[in-house]
Amino acid sequence: MPRLAFPRAVPQIVADPNTPASPAPGCSLSTSGAIFSQTSGMSSGALHLYARAPNLPIMPSDCISQPDLFGPHTLPGLRYRDDFLSEEEESNLIRHIDAEDLAPFRFQQWTGKRLTATFGWSYDFETGRFGPTRPLPEFLTPVRERAAQFAGLAASRLEQALLIRYDAGAEIGWHRDRPVFEEVIGISLGSPAPMRFRQRLEKGFRRNTVPLAPRSIYLLSGEARYEWEHSIDALPEARWSITFRTLSEKGRAKSSRPE
């Protein structure tokens, strides 16, 4: 399968979420529109990302630099890398996730379409209770080691793991991860997906969209973790994800508190 090349995500100020994205700085509407003539050779996954991410500017190559997968990202605190896993590793992980006892995500009286399984530490969105749960399964050990290396952390700090299967039509709304957690590491499997970010301003939002390719990995820390919300829209095809989280000082204090 050919490797997809995505443009670097560029923040933009949009007061109304429904306002169409403007062209990138230094690019005219005509040159931004001309890029669509280049999409004829794209894979279906890449075309799908363009269709699903209207707030991601389409920019000609002379207006952007190619993304450095191992360098700093334009969104402070966000690190991203393509091809973190091989296709064989991806298939094996999907098989293991599907074999787990997945349950619909529940938030108070609402039941989501995505199916989840939590390991290490669990946060109950209905009661607010935070505590230990079943240990991480063995198949996650090697990928946790590599994810920790990518994030520059000790593997032992990745104490919580969340498995999610997004069937067709499943989504995850705007949110920030709970403050009991610190760094967030996500691995994307299956269908590509645009991950949307927004930072609340006095009026409107500052927005950013990062295309998540299959088998990619990202790290949220600092500003990207605490000052930006993120979401993923419903997709027409299935997608899986593995999320590792470290515990924050608040999480450690809460976990040591007797019930």
C-alpha atoms as a PDB file:
ATOM      1  CA  MET A   1       0.000   0.000   0.000  1.00  0.00           C
ATOM      2  CA  PRO A   2       1.531   3.380  -0.927  1.00  0.00           C
ATOM      3  CA  ARG A   3       2.306   5.756   1.894  1.00  0.00           C
ATOM      4  CA  LEU A   4      -0.036   8.744   2.141  1.00  0.00           C
ATOM      5  CA  ALA A   5       1.536  12.198   2.222  1.00  0.00           C
ATOM      6  CA  PHE A   6      -0.475  14.776   4.141  1.00  0.00           C
ATOM      7  CA  PRO A   7       0.084  18.522   4.373  1.00  0.00           C
ATOM      8  CA  ARG A   8       1.121  19.987   7.702  1.00  0.00           C
ATOM      9  CA  ALA A   9      -1.893  21.103   9.711  1.00  0.00           C
ATOM     10  CA  VAL A  10      -2.114  24.889   9.998  1.00  0.00           C
ATOM     11  CA  PRO A  11      -4.057  26.669  12.773  1.00  0.00           C
ATOM     12  CA  GLN A  12      -6.749  29.076  11.666  1.00  0.00           C
ATOM     13  CA  ILE A  13      -9.062  31.525  13.428  1.00  0.00           C
ATOM     14  CA  VAL A  14     -12.720  30.764  12.753  1.00  0.00           C
ATOM     15  CA  ALA A  15     -15.433  32.574  14.708  1.00  0.00           C
ATOM     16  CA  ASP A  16     -18.226  30.356  13.419  1.00  0.00           C
ATOM     17  CA  PRO A  17     -17.680  26.564  13.212  1.00  0.00           C
ATOM     18  CA  ASN A  18     -19.646  26.567   9.949  1.00  0.00           C
ATOM     19  CA  THR A  19     -17.495  29.255   8.341  1.00  0.00           C
ATOM     20  CA  PRO A  20     -15.559  27.823   5.362  1.00  0.00           C
ATOM     21  CA  ALA A  21     -11.803  27.751   5.752  1.00  0.00           C
ATOM     22  CA  SER A  22      -9.856  30.536   4.065  1.00  0.00           C
ATOM     23  CA  PRO A  23      -6.776  29.818   1.951  1.00  0.00           C
ATOM     24  CA  ALA A  24      -3.395  29.586   3.583  1.00  0.00           C
ATOM     25  CA  PRO A  25      -1.400  32.805   4.057  1.00  0.00           C
ATOM     26  CA  GLY A  26       0.312  33.772   0.818  1.00  0.00           C
ATOM     27  CA  CYS A  27      -2.008  31.633  -1.320  1.00  0.00           C
ATOM     28  CA  SER A  28      -4.844  32.996  -3.411  1.00  0.00           C
ATOM     29  CA  LEU A  29      -8.212  31.309  -3.736  1.00  0.00           C
ATOM     30  CA  SER A  30      -7.327  30.385  -7.293  1.00  0.00           C
ATOM     31  CA  THR A  31      -4.110  28.622  -6.344  1.00  0.00           C
ATOM     32  CA  SER A  32      -5.760  26.899  -3.391  1.00  0.00           C
ATOM     33  CA  GLY A  33      -8.530  25.667  -5.660  1.00  0.00           C
ATOM     34  CA  ALA A  34      -6.078  24.492  -8.281  1.00  0.00           C
ATOM     35  CA  ILE A  35      -4.779  21.822  -5.929  1.00  0.00           C
ATOM     36  CA  PHE A  36      -7.949  19.808  -6.539  1.00  0.00           C
ATOM     37  CA  SER A  37      -6.578  18.989  -9.983  1.00  0.00           C
ATOM     38  CA  GLN A  38      -3.851  17.037  -8.196  1.00  0.00           C
ATOM     39  CA  THR A  39      -6.248  14.779  -6.277  1.00  0.00           C
ATOM     40  CA  SER A  40      -6.909  12.502  -9.241  1.00  0.00           C
ATOM     41  CA  GLY A  41      -3.992  10.278  -8.311  1.00  0.00           C
ATOM     42  CA  MET A  42      -4.734  10.108  -4.604  1.00  0.00           C
ATOM     43  CA  SER A  43      -5.740   6.945  -2.821  1.00  0.00           C
ATOM     44  CA  SER A  44      -9.299   6.608  -1.556  1.00  0.00           C
ATOM     45  CA  GLY A  45      -8.057   7.144   1.996  1.00  0.00           C
ATOM     46  CA  ALA A  46      -6.397  10.446   1.148  1.00  0.00           C
ATOM     47  CA  LEU A  47      -9.411  11.653  -0.831  1.00  0.00           C
ATOM     48  CA  HIS A  48     -11.644  10.684   2.078  1.00  0.00           C
ATOM     49  CA  LEU A  49      -9.577  12.824   4.433  1.00  0.00           C
ATOM     50  CA  TYR A  50      -9.947  15.840   2.170  1.00  0.00           C
ATOM     51  CA  ALA A  51     -13.699  15.282   1.970  1.00  0.00           C
ATOM     52  CA  ARG A  52     -14.058  14.856   5.739  1.00  0.00           C
ATOM     53  CA  ALA A  53     -11.865  17.815   6.779  1.00  0.00           C
ATOM     54  CA  PRO A  54     -13.299  21.032   5.285  1.00  0.00           C
ATOM     55  CA  ASN A  55     -11.407  23.189   7.793  1.00  0.00           C
ATOM     56  CA  LEU A  56      -8.051  21.810   6.667  1.00  0.00           C
ATOM     57  CA  PRO A  57      -6.613  24.264   4.117  1.00  0.00           C
ATOM     58  CA  ILE A  58      -5.720  22.767   0.738  1.00  0.00           C
ATOM     59  CA  MET A  59      -2.400  24.356  -0.119  1.00  0.00           C
ATOM     60  CA  PRO A  60      -0.063  24.181  -3.127  1.00  0.00           C
ATOM     61  CA  SER A  61       3.375  22.766  -2.474  1.00  0.00           C
ATOM     62  CA  ASP A  62       5.093  26.138  -2.776  1.00  0.00           C
ATOM     63  CA  CYS A  63       3.063  27.423   0.203  1.00  0.00           C
ATOM     64  CA  ILE A  64       3.964  24.625   2.639  1.00  0.00           C
ATOM     65  CA  SER A  65       6.916  22.496   3.611  1.00  0.00           C
ATOM     66  CA  GLN A  66       6.710  18.721   3.727  1.00  0.00           C
ATOM     67  CA  PRO A  67       5.952  17.500   7.270  1.00  0.00           C
ATOM     68  CA  ASP A  68       8.900  16.368   9.365  1.00  0.00           C
ATOM     69  CA  LEU A  69       7.456  13.332  11.084  1.00  0.00           C
ATOM     70  CA  PHE A  70      10.097  13.427  13.806  1.00  0.00           C
ATOM     71  CA  GLY A  71      10.238  17.204  14.285  1.00  0.00           C
ATOM     72  CA  PRO A  72       8.088  19.710  16.166  1.00  0.00           C
ATOM     73  CA  HIS A  73       4.486  20.140  15.049  1.00  0.00           C
ATOM     74  CA  THR A  74       2.760  23.438  14.424  1.00  0.00           C
ATOM     75  CA  LEU A  75       0.402  22.800  17.364  1.00  0.00           C
ATOM     76  CA  PRO A  76       2.489  23.157  20.556  1.00  0.00           C
ATOM     77  CA  GLY A  77       2.473  19.951  22.558  1.00  0.00           C
ATOM     78  CA  LEU A  78       1.390  17.735  19.645  1.00  0.00           C
ATOM     79  CA  ARG A  79       3.823  15.203  18.192  1.00  0.00           C
ATOM     80  CA  TYR A  80       2.799  12.993  15.263  1.00  0.00           C
ATOM     81  CA  ARG A  81       4.361  10.203  13.200  1.00  0.00           C
ATOM     82  CA  ASP A  82       3.137   8.159  10.245  1.00  0.00           C
ATOM     83  CA  ASP A  83       3.857   4.443   9.795  1.00  0.00           C
ATOM     84  CA  PHE A  84       4.433   3.722  13.467  1.00  0.00           C
ATOM     85  CA  LEU A  85       3.230   0.163  12.828  1.00  0.00           C
ATOM     86  CA  SER A  86       3.492  -2.238   9.924  1.00  0.00           C
ATOM     87  CA  GLU A  87       0.357  -3.469   8.156  1.00  0.00           C
ATOM     88  CA  GLU A  88       0.854  -6.905   9.733  1.00  0.00           C
ATOM     89  CA  GLU A  89       1.122  -5.393  13.219  1.00  0.00           C
ATOM     90  CA  GLU A  90      -1.998  -3.345  12.550  1.00  0.00           C
ATOM     91  CA  SER A  91      -3.974  -6.441  11.503  1.00  0.00           C
ATOM     92  CA  ASN A  92      -2.862  -8.364  14.590  1.00  0.00           C
ATOM     93  CA  LEU A  93      -3.795  -5.514  16.925  1.00  0.00           C
ATOM     94  CA  ILE A  94      -7.233  -5.146  15.328  1.00  0.00           C
ATOM     95  CA  ARG A  95      -7.791  -8.879  15.769  1.00  0.00           C
ATOM     96  CA  HIS A  96      -6.830  -8.669  19.453  1.00  0.00           C
ATOM     97  CA  ILE A  97      -9.035  -5.623  20.060  1.00  0.00           C
ATOM     98  CA  ASP A  98     -12.044  -7.326  18.491  1.00  0.00           C
ATOM     99  CA  ALA A  99     -11.447 -10.361  20.726  1.00  0.00           C
ATOM    100  CA  GLU A 100     -11.688  -8.229  23.893  1.00  0.00           C
ATOM    101  CA  ASP A 101     -14.882  -7.764  25.872  1.00  0.00           C
ATOM    102  CA  LEU A 102     -15.817  -4.396  24.367  1.00  0.00           C
ATOM    103  CA  ALA A 103     -18.779  -2.449  25.737  1.00  0.00           C
ATOM    104  CA  PRO A 104     -20.622   0.680  24.523  1.00  0.00           C
ATOM    105  CA  PHE A 105     -19.231   3.930  25.916  1.00  0.00           C
ATOM    106  CA  ARG A 106     -21.580   5.477  28.496  1.00  0.00           C
ATOM    107  CA  PHE A 107     -21.689   9.071  29.676  1.00  0.00           C
ATOM    108  CA  GLN A 108     -24.347   9.709  32.307  1.00  0.00           C
ATOM    109  CA  GLN A 109     -27.643   8.814  30.535  1.00  0.00           C
ATOM    110  CA  TRP A 110     -26.098   8.752  27.057  1.00  0.00           C
ATOM    111  CA  THR A 111     -24.783   5.634  25.307  1.00  0.00           C
ATOM    112  CA  GLY A 112     -22.305   6.098  22.468  1.00  0.00           C
ATOM    113  CA  LYS A 113     -21.885   3.992  19.346  1.00  0.00           C
ATOM    114  CA  ARG A 114     -18.197   3.320  19.930  1.00  0.00           C
ATOM    115  CA  LEU A 115     -17.154   0.176  21.817  1.00  0.00           C
ATOM    116  CA  THR A 116     -14.449   0.384  24.485  1.00  0.00           C
ATOM    117  CA  ALA A 117     -12.335  -1.591  26.938  1.00  0.00           C
ATOM    118  CA  THR A 118     -10.226   0.016  29.689  1.00  0.00           C
ATOM    119  CA  PHE A 119      -7.165  -1.376  31.460  1.00  0.00           C
ATOM    120  CA  GLY A 120      -4.917  -0.263  34.325  1.00  0.00           C
ATOM    121  CA  TRP A 121      -7.053   2.612  35.597  1.00  0.00           C
ATOM    122  CA  SER A 122     -10.691   3.386  34.944  1.00  0.00           C
ATOM    123  CA  TYR A 123     -12.656   6.635  35.116  1.00  0.00           C
ATOM    124  CA  ASP A 124     -16.413   6.186  35.519  1.00  0.00           C
ATOM    125  CA  PHE A 125     -18.124   8.995  33.600  1.00  0.00           C
ATOM    126  CA  GLU A 126     -21.416   8.343  35.392  1.00  0.00           C
ATOM    127  CA  THR A 127     -20.119   8.499  38.971  1.00  0.00           C
ATOM    128  CA  GLY A 128     -16.768  10.289  38.625  1.00  0.00           C
ATOM    129  CA  ARG A 129     -15.080   7.402  40.407  1.00  0.00           C
ATOM    130  CA  PHE A 130     -11.444   6.754  39.486  1.00  0.00           C
ATOM    131  CA  GLY A 131      -9.652   3.572  40.455  1.00  0.00           C
ATOM    132  CA  PRO A 132      -7.667   0.513  39.382  1.00  0.00           C
ATOM    133  CA  THR A 133      -9.139  -2.035  37.018  1.00  0.00           C
ATOM    134  CA  ARG A 134      -7.948  -5.148  35.157  1.00  0.00           C
ATOM    135  CA  PRO A 135      -4.262  -5.207  34.115  1.00  0.00           C
ATOM    136  CA  LEU A 136      -3.121  -4.461  30.586  1.00  0.00           C
ATOM    137  CA  PRO A 137      -3.320  -7.539  28.317  1.00  0.00           C
ATOM    138  CA  GLU A 138      -0.043  -9.058  27.157  1.00  0.00           C
ATOM    139  CA  PHE A 139      -0.553  -8.126  23.508  1.00  0.00           C
ATOM    140  CA  LEU A 140      -0.283  -4.436  24.472  1.00  0.00           C
ATOM    141  CA  THR A 141       3.138  -4.795  26.130  1.00  0.00           C
ATOM    142  CA  PRO A 142       5.307  -4.469  22.981  1.00  0.00           C
ATOM    143  CA  VAL A 143       3.304  -1.575  21.540  1.00  0.00           C
ATOM    144  CA  ARG A 144       3.322   0.181  24.917  1.00  0.00           C
ATOM    145  CA  GLU A 145       7.127  -0.037  24.990  1.00  0.00           C
ATOM    146  CA  ARG A 146       7.377   1.537  21.548  1.00  0.00           C
ATOM    147  CA  ALA A 147       4.745   4.177  22.306  1.00  0.00           C
ATOM    148  CA  ALA A 148       6.660   5.175  25.438  1.00  0.00           C
ATOM    149  CA  GLN A 149       9.871   5.453  23.427  1.00  0.00           C
ATOM    150  CA  PHE A 150       8.103   7.687  20.895  1.00  0.00           C
ATOM    151  CA  ALA A 151       6.858   9.934  23.726  1.00  0.00           C
ATOM    152  CA  GLY A 152      10.177   9.976  25.584  1.00  0.00           C
ATOM    153  CA  LEU A 153       8.644   8.353  28.658  1.00  0.00           C
ATOM    154  CA  ALA A 154       9.293   5.247  30.714  1.00  0.00           C
ATOM    155  CA  ALA A 155       6.891   2.481  29.693  1.00  0.00           C
ATOM    156  CA  SER A 156       5.871   2.026  33.326  1.00  0.00           C
ATOM    157  CA  ARG A 157       4.362   5.530  33.278  1.00  0.00           C
ATOM    158  CA  LEU A 158       1.806   4.484  30.647  1.00  0.00           C
ATOM    159  CA  GLU A 159      -0.475   3.086  33.325  1.00  0.00           C
ATOM    160  CA  GLN A 160      -3.825   3.296  31.553  1.00  0.00           C
ATOM    161  CA  ALA A 161      -4.845   1.839  28.207  1.00  0.00           C
ATOM    162  CA  LEU A 162      -8.097   2.351  26.320  1.00  0.00           C
ATOM    163  CA  LEU A 163      -9.166   0.261  23.327  1.00  0.00           C
ATOM    164  CA  ILE A 164     -11.876   1.628  21.047  1.00  0.00           C
ATOM    165  CA  ARG A 165     -13.649   0.264  17.996  1.00  0.00           C
ATOM    166  CA  TYR A 166     -15.502   2.874  15.975  1.00  0.00           C
ATOM    167  CA  ASP A 167     -18.009   1.104  13.755  1.00  0.00           C
ATOM    168  CA  ALA A 168     -19.426   3.022  10.780  1.00  0.00           C
ATOM    169  CA  GLY A 169     -21.223   6.118  12.048  1.00  0.00           C
ATOM    170  CA  ALA A 170     -19.478   6.201  15.445  1.00  0.00           C
ATOM    171  CA  GLU A 171     -17.804   9.428  16.538  1.00  0.00           C
ATOM    172  CA  ILE A 172     -16.232  11.135  19.525  1.00  0.00           C
ATOM    173  CA  GLY A 173     -17.386  14.642  20.400  1.00  0.00           C
ATOM    174  CA  TRP A 174     -15.452  17.682  21.564  1.00  0.00           C
ATOM    175  CA  HIS A 175     -13.599  17.005  24.811  1.00  0.00           C
ATOM    176  CA  ARG A 176     -10.399  17.230  26.795  1.00  0.00           C
ATOM    177  CA  ASP A 177      -9.182  14.136  28.596  1.00  0.00           C
ATOM    178  CA  ARG A 178      -9.999  14.012  32.300  1.00  0.00           C
ATOM    179  CA  PRO A 179      -7.554  15.839  34.616  1.00  0.00           C
ATOM    180  CA  VAL A 180      -6.675  12.587  36.408  1.00  0.00           C
ATOM    181  CA  PHE A 181      -4.538  11.873  33.332  1.00  0.00           C
ATOM    182  CA  GLU A 182      -1.449  13.691  32.028  1.00  0.00           C
ATOM    183  CA  GLU A 183       0.112  12.760  28.675  1.00  0.00           C
ATOM    184  CA  VAL A 184      -2.119  11.112  26.061  1.00  0.00           C
ATOM    185  CA  ILE A 185      -0.699   8.829  23.357  1.00  0.00           C
ATOM    186  CA  GLY A 186      -2.992   7.628  20.570  1.00  0.00           C
ATOM    187  CA  ILE A 187      -2.455   4.970  17.898  1.00  0.00           C
ATOM    188  CA  SER A 188      -4.837   4.963  14.933  1.00  0.00           C
ATOM    189  CA  LEU A 189      -5.822   1.744  13.131  1.00  0.00           C
ATOM    190  CA  GLY A 190      -8.053   1.019  10.157  1.00  0.00           C
ATOM    191  CA  SER A 191      -9.783   3.881   8.394  1.00  0.00           C
ATOM    192  CA  PRO A 192      -7.975   7.259   8.188  1.00  0.00           C
ATOM    193  CA  ALA A 193      -9.584  10.055  10.175  1.00  0.00           C
ATOM    194  CA  PRO A 194      -9.212  13.834  10.541  1.00  0.00           C
ATOM    195  CA  MET A 195      -8.669  14.726  14.197  1.00  0.00           C
ATOM    196  CA  ARG A 196     -10.078  18.187  14.831  1.00  0.00           C
ATOM    197  CA  PHE A 197      -8.768  20.594  17.461  1.00  0.00           C
ATOM    198  CA  ARG A 198     -10.265  23.811  18.792  1.00  0.00           C
ATOM    199  CA  GLN A 199      -9.072  26.365  21.327  1.00  0.00           C
ATOM    200  CA  ARG A 200     -11.688  28.654  22.827  1.00  0.00           C
ATOM    201  CA  LEU A 201     -11.088  32.369  22.316  1.00  0.00           C
ATOM    202  CA  GLU A 202     -12.948  35.395  23.629  1.00  0.00           C
ATOM    203  CA  LYS A 203     -15.015  35.187  20.441  1.00  0.00           C
ATOM    204  CA  GLY A 204     -15.152  31.916  18.576  1.00  0.00           C
ATOM    205  CA  PHE A 205     -12.413  29.312  18.339  1.00  0.00           C
ATOM    206  CA  ARG A 206      -8.940  28.821  16.926  1.00  0.00           C
ATOM    207  CA  ARG A 207      -9.070  25.593  14.912  1.00  0.00           C
ATOM    208  CA  ASN A 208      -6.674  22.980  13.626  1.00  0.00           C
ATOM    209  CA  THR A 209      -7.153  19.640  11.854  1.00  0.00           C
ATOM    210  CA  VAL A 210      -4.600  16.828  11.889  1.00  0.00           C
ATOM    211  CA  PRO A 211      -5.161  13.895   9.483  1.00  0.00           C
ATOM    212  CA  LEU A 212      -4.554  10.617  11.305  1.00  0.00           C
ATOM    213  CA  ALA A 213      -3.248   8.050   8.855  1.00  0.00           C
ATOM    214  CA  PRO A 214      -3.687   4.324   9.517  1.00  0.00           C
ATOM    215  CA  ARG A 215      -0.888   2.962  11.742  1.00  0.00           C
ATOM    216  CA  SER A 216       0.088   6.451  12.933  1.00  0.00           C
ATOM    217  CA  ILE A 217       0.801   7.648  16.478  1.00  0.00           C
ATOM    218  CA  TYR A 218       0.421  10.994  18.222  1.00  0.00           C
ATOM    219  CA  LEU A 219       1.270  12.498  21.607  1.00  0.00           C
ATOM    220  CA  LEU A 220      -0.760  15.203  23.357  1.00  0.00           C
ATOM    221  CA  SER A 221       1.034  17.114  26.097  1.00  0.00           C
ATOM    222  CA  GLY A 222       1.263  20.671  27.357  1.00  0.00           C
ATOM    223  CA  GLU A 223      -0.799  23.182  25.375  1.00  0.00           C
ATOM    224  CA  ALA A 224      -2.298  20.623  22.969  1.00  0.00           C
ATOM    225  CA  ARG A 225      -3.387  18.508  25.925  1.00  0.00           C
ATOM    226  CA  TYR A 226      -4.798  21.173  28.238  1.00  0.00           C
ATOM    227  CA  GLU A 227      -5.752  24.195  26.116  1.00  0.00           C
ATOM    228  CA  TRP A 228      -7.287  22.497  23.072  1.00  0.00           C
ATOM    229  CA  GLU A 229     -10.311  20.219  22.801  1.00  0.00           C
ATOM    230  CA  HIS A 230     -10.318  17.487  20.168  1.00  0.00           C
ATOM    231  CA  SER A 231     -12.928  15.400  18.345  1.00  0.00           C
ATOM    232  CA  ILE A 232     -13.306  12.889  15.518  1.00  0.00           C
ATOM    233  CA  ASP A 233     -16.357  12.938  13.253  1.00  0.00           C
ATOM    234  CA  ALA A 234     -18.356   9.872  12.284  1.00  0.00           C
ATOM    235  CA  LEU A 235     -16.733   7.899   9.459  1.00  0.00           C
ATOM    236  CA  PRO A 236     -18.308   5.570   6.890  1.00  0.00           C
ATOM    237  CA  GLU A 237     -15.796   2.787   7.603  1.00  0.00           C
ATOM    238  CA  ALA A 238     -14.591   1.052  10.758  1.00  0.00           C
ATOM    239  CA  ARG A 239     -11.673   2.421  12.738  1.00  0.00           C
ATOM    240  CA  TRP A 240      -9.839   1.238  15.868  1.00  0.00           C
ATOM    241  CA  SER A 241      -7.611   3.066  18.309  1.00  0.00           C
ATOM    242  CA  ILE A 242      -5.303   2.372  21.230  1.00  0.00           C
ATOM    243  CA  THR A 243      -4.822   5.157  23.767  1.00  0.00           C
ATOM    244  CA  PHE A 244      -2.202   5.145  26.510  1.00  0.00           C
ATOM    245  CA  ARG A 245      -2.299   7.703  29.317  1.00  0.00           C
ATOM    246  CA  THR A 246      -0.048   8.637  32.199  1.00  0.00           C
ATOM    247  CA  LEU A 247      -1.499   9.638  35.561  1.00  0.00           C
ATOM    248  CA  SER A 248      -1.384  13.273  36.661  1.00  0.00           C
ATOM    249  CA  GLU A 249      -0.601  14.376  40.213  1.00  0.00           C
ATOM    250  CA  LYS A 250      -4.338  14.820  40.701  1.00  0.00           C
ATOM    251  CA  GLY A 251      -4.934  11.283  39.458  1.00  0.00           C
ATOM    252  CA  ARG A 252      -2.314   9.833  41.786  1.00  0.00           C
ATOM    253  CA  ALA A 253      -3.758  11.732  44.732  1.00  0.00           C
ATOM    254  CA  LYS A 254      -7.278  10.579  43.894  1.00  0.00           C
ATOM    255  CA  SER A 255      -6.213   6.970  43.347  1.00  0.00           C
ATOM    256  CA  SER A 256      -4.540   6.803  46.764  1.00  0.00           C
ATOM    257  CA  ARG A 257      -7.584   8.214  48.538  1.00  0.00           C
ATOM    258  CA  PRO A 258      -9.707   5.531  50.295  1.00  0.00           C
ATOM    259  CA  GLU A 259     -13.266   5.141  49.018  1.00  0.00           C
END
